[in-house]
Amino acid sequence: MVLDRDYPMTPTQLKVLAIGYALVIAFGVVLFGGFIPGIKPNFSAPVYATVDGHEYFVESSPLPLPGFSHWSAPWNVTFHNVTFGLQIENWNASVGRLVYGNGTEPNGTHYAFELGEMEPNGSLVRWFLSPDADFAASWNGGWFSQLVILLYVLVPPATAGP
């Protein structure tokens, strides 16, 4: 179709184009708006993981991009009554990226952790499990660092299982 002054669109062509756009928009709303069961994911369903025989709720939390800075501002994420304080450091370096964090349990117990390239030999620390095993955190770090951290909180025994 040529849109040009020499070949203007007829009123019929404009109507067909408008109906086509309306159908595409309606299809998108129905498909991605959750009106068809099973198409749109249910984000309210809890995600579980089993670690060393214990069941944990799992949450994928985005990390803010530090931009041109080497560190991000600290921020808090509360997940199943555990508050995680997180901060990215050394982001723009080719090696040595870290996520500093701490977890505060409802009873006030507090544990700090570091994930990333901490070891002198450049090895990665990707997993932290609190000493009481009530929460954990994991981050992939390294050259392919993602801006997502996984947070784990122990499922109370009475509610274990999906």
C-alpha atoms as a PDB file:
ATOM      1  CA  MET A   1       0.000   0.000   0.000  1.00  0.00           C
ATOM      2  CA  VAL A   2       1.426   3.338  -1.013  1.00  0.00           C
ATOM      3  CA  LEU A   3       0.606   6.281   1.194  1.00  0.00           C
ATOM      4  CA  ASP A   4       1.182   9.182  -1.097  1.00  0.00           C
ATOM      5  CA  ARG A   5      -0.600  12.298  -2.290  1.00  0.00           C
ATOM      6  CA  ASP A   6      -1.139  10.668  -5.658  1.00  0.00           C
ATOM      7  CA  TYR A   7      -2.866   7.632  -4.107  1.00  0.00           C
ATOM      8  CA  PRO A   8      -4.889   8.739  -1.068  1.00  0.00           C
ATOM      9  CA  MET A   9      -6.681   6.137   1.015  1.00  0.00           C
ATOM     10  CA  THR A  10     -10.343   5.745   0.310  1.00  0.00           C
ATOM     11  CA  PRO A  11     -12.874   5.896   3.133  1.00  0.00           C
ATOM     12  CA  THR A  12     -13.367   2.141   2.804  1.00  0.00           C
ATOM     13  CA  GLN A  13      -9.641   1.501   3.206  1.00  0.00           C
ATOM     14  CA  LEU A  14      -9.555   3.744   6.294  1.00  0.00           C
ATOM     15  CA  LYS A  15     -12.476   1.805   7.831  1.00  0.00           C
ATOM     16  CA  VAL A  16     -10.787  -1.537   7.157  1.00  0.00           C
ATOM     17  CA  LEU A  17      -7.527  -0.252   8.660  1.00  0.00           C
ATOM     18  CA  ALA A  18      -9.317   1.051  11.785  1.00  0.00           C
ATOM     19  CA  ILE A  19     -11.216  -2.248  12.218  1.00  0.00           C
ATOM     20  CA  GLY A  20      -7.941  -4.172  11.814  1.00  0.00           C
ATOM     21  CA  TYR A  21      -6.217  -2.089  14.495  1.00  0.00           C
ATOM     22  CA  ALA A  22      -9.213  -2.514  16.823  1.00  0.00           C
ATOM     23  CA  LEU A  23      -9.142  -6.310  16.346  1.00  0.00           C
ATOM     24  CA  VAL A  24      -5.394  -6.494  17.037  1.00  0.00           C
ATOM     25  CA  ILE A  25      -5.764  -4.399  20.192  1.00  0.00           C
ATOM     26  CA  ALA A  26      -8.737  -6.466  21.389  1.00  0.00           C
ATOM     27  CA  PHE A  27      -6.823  -9.702  20.740  1.00  0.00           C
ATOM     28  CA  GLY A  28      -3.852  -8.384  22.748  1.00  0.00           C
ATOM     29  CA  VAL A  29      -6.054  -7.348  25.666  1.00  0.00           C
ATOM     30  CA  VAL A  30      -7.800 -10.741  25.756  1.00  0.00           C
ATOM     31  CA  LEU A  31      -4.583 -12.706  25.371  1.00  0.00           C
ATOM     32  CA  PHE A  32      -2.379 -10.784  27.807  1.00  0.00           C
ATOM     33  CA  GLY A  33      -5.042  -9.386  30.133  1.00  0.00           C
ATOM     34  CA  GLY A  34      -5.692 -12.680  31.870  1.00  0.00           C
ATOM     35  CA  PHE A  35      -9.148 -13.298  30.403  1.00  0.00           C
ATOM     36  CA  ILE A  36      -8.064 -16.716  29.068  1.00  0.00           C
ATOM     37  CA  PRO A  37      -7.260 -19.092  31.955  1.00  0.00           C
ATOM     38  CA  GLY A  38      -3.758 -20.504  31.841  1.00  0.00           C
ATOM     39  CA  ILE A  39      -2.320 -17.851  29.518  1.00  0.00           C
ATOM     40  CA  LYS A  40      -1.363 -15.225  32.071  1.00  0.00           C
ATOM     41  CA  PRO A  41       0.893 -16.497  34.878  1.00  0.00           C
ATOM     42  CA  ASN A  42      -0.479 -16.384  38.412  1.00  0.00           C
ATOM     43  CA  PHE A  43       2.049 -14.269  40.281  1.00  0.00           C
ATOM     44  CA  SER A  44       0.289 -14.785  43.608  1.00  0.00           C
ATOM     45  CA  ALA A  45       1.064 -18.505  43.709  1.00  0.00           C
ATOM     46  CA  PRO A  46       3.961 -19.153  46.093  1.00  0.00           C
ATOM     47  CA  VAL A  47       7.176 -20.634  44.759  1.00  0.00           C
ATOM     48  CA  TYR A  48       8.928 -23.289  46.830  1.00  0.00           C
ATOM     49  CA  ALA A  49      12.409 -24.795  46.857  1.00  0.00           C
ATOM     50  CA  THR A  50      13.828 -27.611  48.955  1.00  0.00           C
ATOM     51  CA  VAL A  51      17.306 -27.084  50.398  1.00  0.00           C
ATOM     52  CA  ASP A  52      18.904 -29.751  52.591  1.00  0.00           C
ATOM     53  CA  GLY A  53      15.499 -31.280  53.283  1.00  0.00           C
ATOM     54  CA  HIS A  54      13.912 -27.972  54.347  1.00  0.00           C
ATOM     55  CA  GLU A  55      11.252 -26.217  52.311  1.00  0.00           C
ATOM     56  CA  TYR A  56      11.660 -22.500  51.529  1.00  0.00           C
ATOM     57  CA  PHE A  57       9.508 -19.830  49.967  1.00  0.00           C
ATOM     58  CA  VAL A  58      11.462 -18.310  47.056  1.00  0.00           C
ATOM     59  CA  GLU A  59      11.267 -14.742  45.740  1.00  0.00           C
ATOM     60  CA  SER A  60      13.143 -13.255  42.814  1.00  0.00           C
ATOM     61  CA  SER A  61      13.933  -9.647  43.721  1.00  0.00           C
ATOM     62  CA  PRO A  62      15.299  -7.123  41.218  1.00  0.00           C
ATOM     63  CA  LEU A  63      18.494  -5.278  42.091  1.00  0.00           C
ATOM     64  CA  PRO A  64      18.645  -1.618  41.069  1.00  0.00           C
ATOM     65  CA  LEU A  65      21.231  -0.845  38.413  1.00  0.00           C
ATOM     66  CA  PRO A  66      23.966   1.338  39.883  1.00  0.00           C
ATOM     67  CA  GLY A  67      24.432   3.096  36.528  1.00  0.00           C
ATOM     68  CA  PHE A  68      27.792   4.799  36.247  1.00  0.00           C
ATOM     69  CA  SER A  69      28.460   4.482  39.959  1.00  0.00           C
ATOM     70  CA  HIS A  70      30.365   1.601  41.518  1.00  0.00           C
ATOM     71  CA  TRP A  71      27.647   1.029  44.131  1.00  0.00           C
ATOM     72  CA  SER A  72      23.916   1.301  44.486  1.00  0.00           C
ATOM     73  CA  ALA A  73      21.950   2.967  47.214  1.00  0.00           C
ATOM     74  CA  PRO A  74      20.913   0.511  49.941  1.00  0.00           C
ATOM     75  CA  TRP A  75      17.354  -0.767  49.759  1.00  0.00           C
ATOM     76  CA  ASN A  76      15.130  -3.131  51.730  1.00  0.00           C
ATOM     77  CA  VAL A  77      12.964  -6.028  50.613  1.00  0.00           C
ATOM     78  CA  THR A  78      10.549  -7.677  53.047  1.00  0.00           C
ATOM     79  CA  PHE A  79       9.612 -11.227  52.164  1.00  0.00           C
ATOM     80  CA  HIS A  80       7.581 -13.498  54.491  1.00  0.00           C
ATOM     81  CA  ASN A  81       8.422 -11.327  57.522  1.00  0.00           C
ATOM     82  CA  VAL A  82      12.185 -11.359  56.895  1.00  0.00           C
ATOM     83  CA  THR A  83      13.632  -7.976  55.928  1.00  0.00           C
ATOM     84  CA  PHE A  84      16.589  -8.109  53.583  1.00  0.00           C
ATOM     85  CA  GLY A  85      18.830  -5.049  53.342  1.00  0.00           C
ATOM     86  CA  LEU A  86      20.775  -5.139  50.056  1.00  0.00           C
ATOM     87  CA  GLN A  87      23.421  -3.069  48.267  1.00  0.00           C
ATOM     88  CA  ILE A  88      25.533  -3.622  45.138  1.00  0.00           C
ATOM     89  CA  GLU A  89      29.200  -2.596  45.222  1.00  0.00           C
ATOM     90  CA  ASN A  90      32.026  -2.522  42.673  1.00  0.00           C
ATOM     91  CA  TRP A  91      29.537  -2.925  39.810  1.00  0.00           C
ATOM     92  CA  ASN A  92      31.539  -1.256  37.026  1.00  0.00           C
ATOM     93  CA  ALA A  93      34.678  -3.298  37.654  1.00  0.00           C
ATOM     94  CA  SER A  94      35.350  -6.285  35.403  1.00  0.00           C
ATOM     95  CA  VAL A  95      35.841  -8.472  38.489  1.00  0.00           C
ATOM     96  CA  GLY A  96      34.913  -8.139  42.146  1.00  0.00           C
ATOM     97  CA  ARG A  97      31.189  -7.385  41.905  1.00  0.00           C
ATOM     98  CA  LEU A  98      29.484  -7.861  45.261  1.00  0.00           C
ATOM     99  CA  VAL A  99      26.044  -7.828  46.780  1.00  0.00           C
ATOM    100  CA  TYR A 100      26.185  -6.924  50.454  1.00  0.00           C
ATOM    101  CA  GLY A 101      23.173  -7.953  52.424  1.00  0.00           C
ATOM    102  CA  ASN A 102      21.673  -8.675  55.768  1.00  0.00           C
ATOM    103  CA  GLY A 103      18.570 -10.439  56.879  1.00  0.00           C
ATOM    104  CA  THR A 104      16.524  -9.517  59.911  1.00  0.00           C
ATOM    105  CA  GLU A 105      14.116 -12.149  61.163  1.00  0.00           C
ATOM    106  CA  PRO A 106      10.837 -11.290  62.947  1.00  0.00           C
ATOM    107  CA  ASN A 107      12.415 -12.058  66.339  1.00  0.00           C
ATOM    108  CA  GLY A 108      15.158  -9.476  65.667  1.00  0.00           C
ATOM    109  CA  THR A 109      17.922 -11.961  64.834  1.00  0.00           C
ATOM    110  CA  HIS A 110      20.208 -10.369  62.279  1.00  0.00           C
ATOM    111  CA  TYR A 111      22.747 -12.016  59.931  1.00  0.00           C
ATOM    112  CA  ALA A 112      24.949 -10.274  57.346  1.00  0.00           C
ATOM    113  CA  PHE A 113      26.203 -11.815  54.112  1.00  0.00           C
ATOM    114  CA  GLU A 114      28.241 -11.041  50.993  1.00  0.00           C
ATOM    115  CA  LEU A 115      27.674 -12.643  47.617  1.00  0.00           C
ATOM    116  CA  GLY A 116      29.939 -12.346  44.597  1.00  0.00           C
ATOM    117  CA  GLU A 117      33.680 -12.435  43.915  1.00  0.00           C
ATOM    118  CA  MET A 118      35.052 -12.275  47.429  1.00  0.00           C
ATOM    119  CA  GLU A 119      37.759 -14.903  47.450  1.00  0.00           C
ATOM    120  CA  PRO A 120      41.398 -13.874  46.734  1.00  0.00           C
ATOM    121  CA  ASN A 121      41.542 -16.462  43.953  1.00  0.00           C
ATOM    122  CA  GLY A 122      38.541 -14.839  42.232  1.00  0.00           C
ATOM    123  CA  SER A 123      36.097 -17.639  43.049  1.00  0.00           C
ATOM    124  CA  LEU A 124      32.446 -16.809  43.436  1.00  0.00           C
ATOM    125  CA  VAL A 125      30.350 -17.043  46.573  1.00  0.00           C
ATOM    126  CA  ARG A 126      26.850 -17.582  45.220  1.00  0.00           C
ATOM    127  CA  TRP A 127      24.916 -18.867  48.231  1.00  0.00           C
ATOM    128  CA  PHE A 128      24.319 -17.775  51.811  1.00  0.00           C
ATOM    129  CA  LEU A 129      22.320 -19.766  54.359  1.00  0.00           C
ATOM    130  CA  SER A 130      21.739 -18.188  57.759  1.00  0.00           C
ATOM    131  CA  PRO A 131      23.210 -20.166  60.689  1.00  0.00           C
ATOM    132  CA  ASP A 132      19.713 -20.955  61.982  1.00  0.00           C
ATOM    133  CA  ALA A 133      18.609 -21.914  58.406  1.00  0.00           C
ATOM    134  CA  ASP A 134      15.607 -19.561  58.585  1.00  0.00           C
ATOM    135  CA  PHE A 135      16.551 -17.654  55.413  1.00  0.00           C
ATOM    136  CA  ALA A 136      18.999 -17.737  52.526  1.00  0.00           C
ATOM    137  CA  ALA A 137      20.050 -15.692  49.491  1.00  0.00           C
ATOM    138  CA  SER A 138      21.706 -16.518  46.178  1.00  0.00           C
ATOM    139  CA  TRP A 139      23.168 -14.449  43.353  1.00  0.00           C
ATOM    140  CA  ASN A 140      25.113 -15.595  40.324  1.00  0.00           C
ATOM    141  CA  GLY A 141      27.740 -12.793  40.277  1.00  0.00           C
ATOM    142  CA  GLY A 142      30.763 -12.929  37.967  1.00  0.00           C
ATOM    143  CA  TRP A 143      31.029 -11.756  34.372  1.00  0.00           C
ATOM    144  CA  PHE A 144      27.378 -12.556  33.718  1.00  0.00           C
ATOM    145  CA  SER A 145      26.001 -10.841  36.802  1.00  0.00           C
ATOM    146  CA  GLN A 146      22.277 -10.376  36.686  1.00  0.00           C
ATOM    147  CA  LEU A 147      20.307  -7.694  38.431  1.00  0.00           C
ATOM    148  CA  VAL A 148      18.211 -10.295  40.258  1.00  0.00           C
ATOM    149  CA  ILE A 149      18.798 -11.911  43.634  1.00  0.00           C
ATOM    150  CA  LEU A 150      16.912 -14.939  44.913  1.00  0.00           C
ATOM    151  CA  LEU A 151      15.638 -14.727  48.489  1.00  0.00           C
ATOM    152  CA  TYR A 152      14.618 -17.791  50.481  1.00  0.00           C
ATOM    153  CA  VAL A 153      12.551 -17.917  53.695  1.00  0.00           C
ATOM    154  CA  LEU A 154      11.892 -21.138  55.608  1.00  0.00           C
ATOM    155  CA  VAL A 155       8.330 -22.397  55.321  1.00  0.00           C
ATOM    156  CA  PRO A 156       6.803 -22.886  58.783  1.00  0.00           C
ATOM    157  CA  PRO A 157       6.210 -26.614  59.413  1.00  0.00           C
ATOM    158  CA  ALA A 158       2.418 -26.249  59.693  1.00  0.00           C
ATOM    159  CA  THR A 159       2.145 -24.737  56.184  1.00  0.00           C
ATOM    160  CA  ALA A 160       4.786 -26.787  54.367  1.00  0.00           C
ATOM    161  CA  GLY A 161       3.906 -28.074  50.935  1.00  0.00           C
ATOM    162  CA  PRO A 162       2.136 -26.651  47.908  1.00  0.00           C
END
